[in-house]
Amino acid sequence: MATKKIKYNPDAESSSNLDEVFGYAAEEKSNEITAIPQLLNVLDLSECTVTIDAIGTQTDIAEKIRLKNAEYILAVKDNQPTLAEDIRLYAQNDVLPLKKDDLKAAGRYASTTDKGHGRIETRECWLFDRVDWLQKDRNWKDLNGVAVLRSTRESVQNGEKSDIIKENKKNYINQNLLH
């Protein structure tokens, strides 16, 4: 099999299109799930951390990343409904109720708050490494952590907080994030 040389295009970095970013395209009648392993095959990932949106949250992709001596952070969304629900329930019942000061002291919680442009935005991150419940019936190569990110945006009008609050949560599975 011939290896295609990858040409990185930093101007397209925010694009989700592999062809724009790397000059690499999935074969016709293919999709990202099959293109990602092909791309991983041609990249030197040794000692890198690979982050992939939910489309790449597949056990075989996690295994390929680990076999390339790299670490992974994979987004979990509704394309993995059971995994997403398991993480949501665990976070809701076992992690989020814990005291933030205790978690922060243990390096398991961080938050930032920004004010400006008519809003107050708070970003929070919880990290947990008890994932034995998550590995049951699954085969995530070297999985040892989950990250839950929550962003809360409150509108401010005339110096007063309004009742308009938007919340966004994101979940990630990872290998070696906490160790």
Foldseek 3Di string as FASTA:
>chain_A
DDQDDWQADVVCVVPPACCNGTVDHDDPPDDPCVVLLSVLVRDQAAAHEDEDEQSPPDQVSLVSQVVSNYKYKYWDDCVVVVLVVVVVVCCVPPNVVDDQVVCVVVVFKDKDWDDDPQKIKMKMKGKDFPCPVVCVVHRRPQWGMKMKMKMKIFGHDPNHTDPDIDMDIIMIIIHPPPD
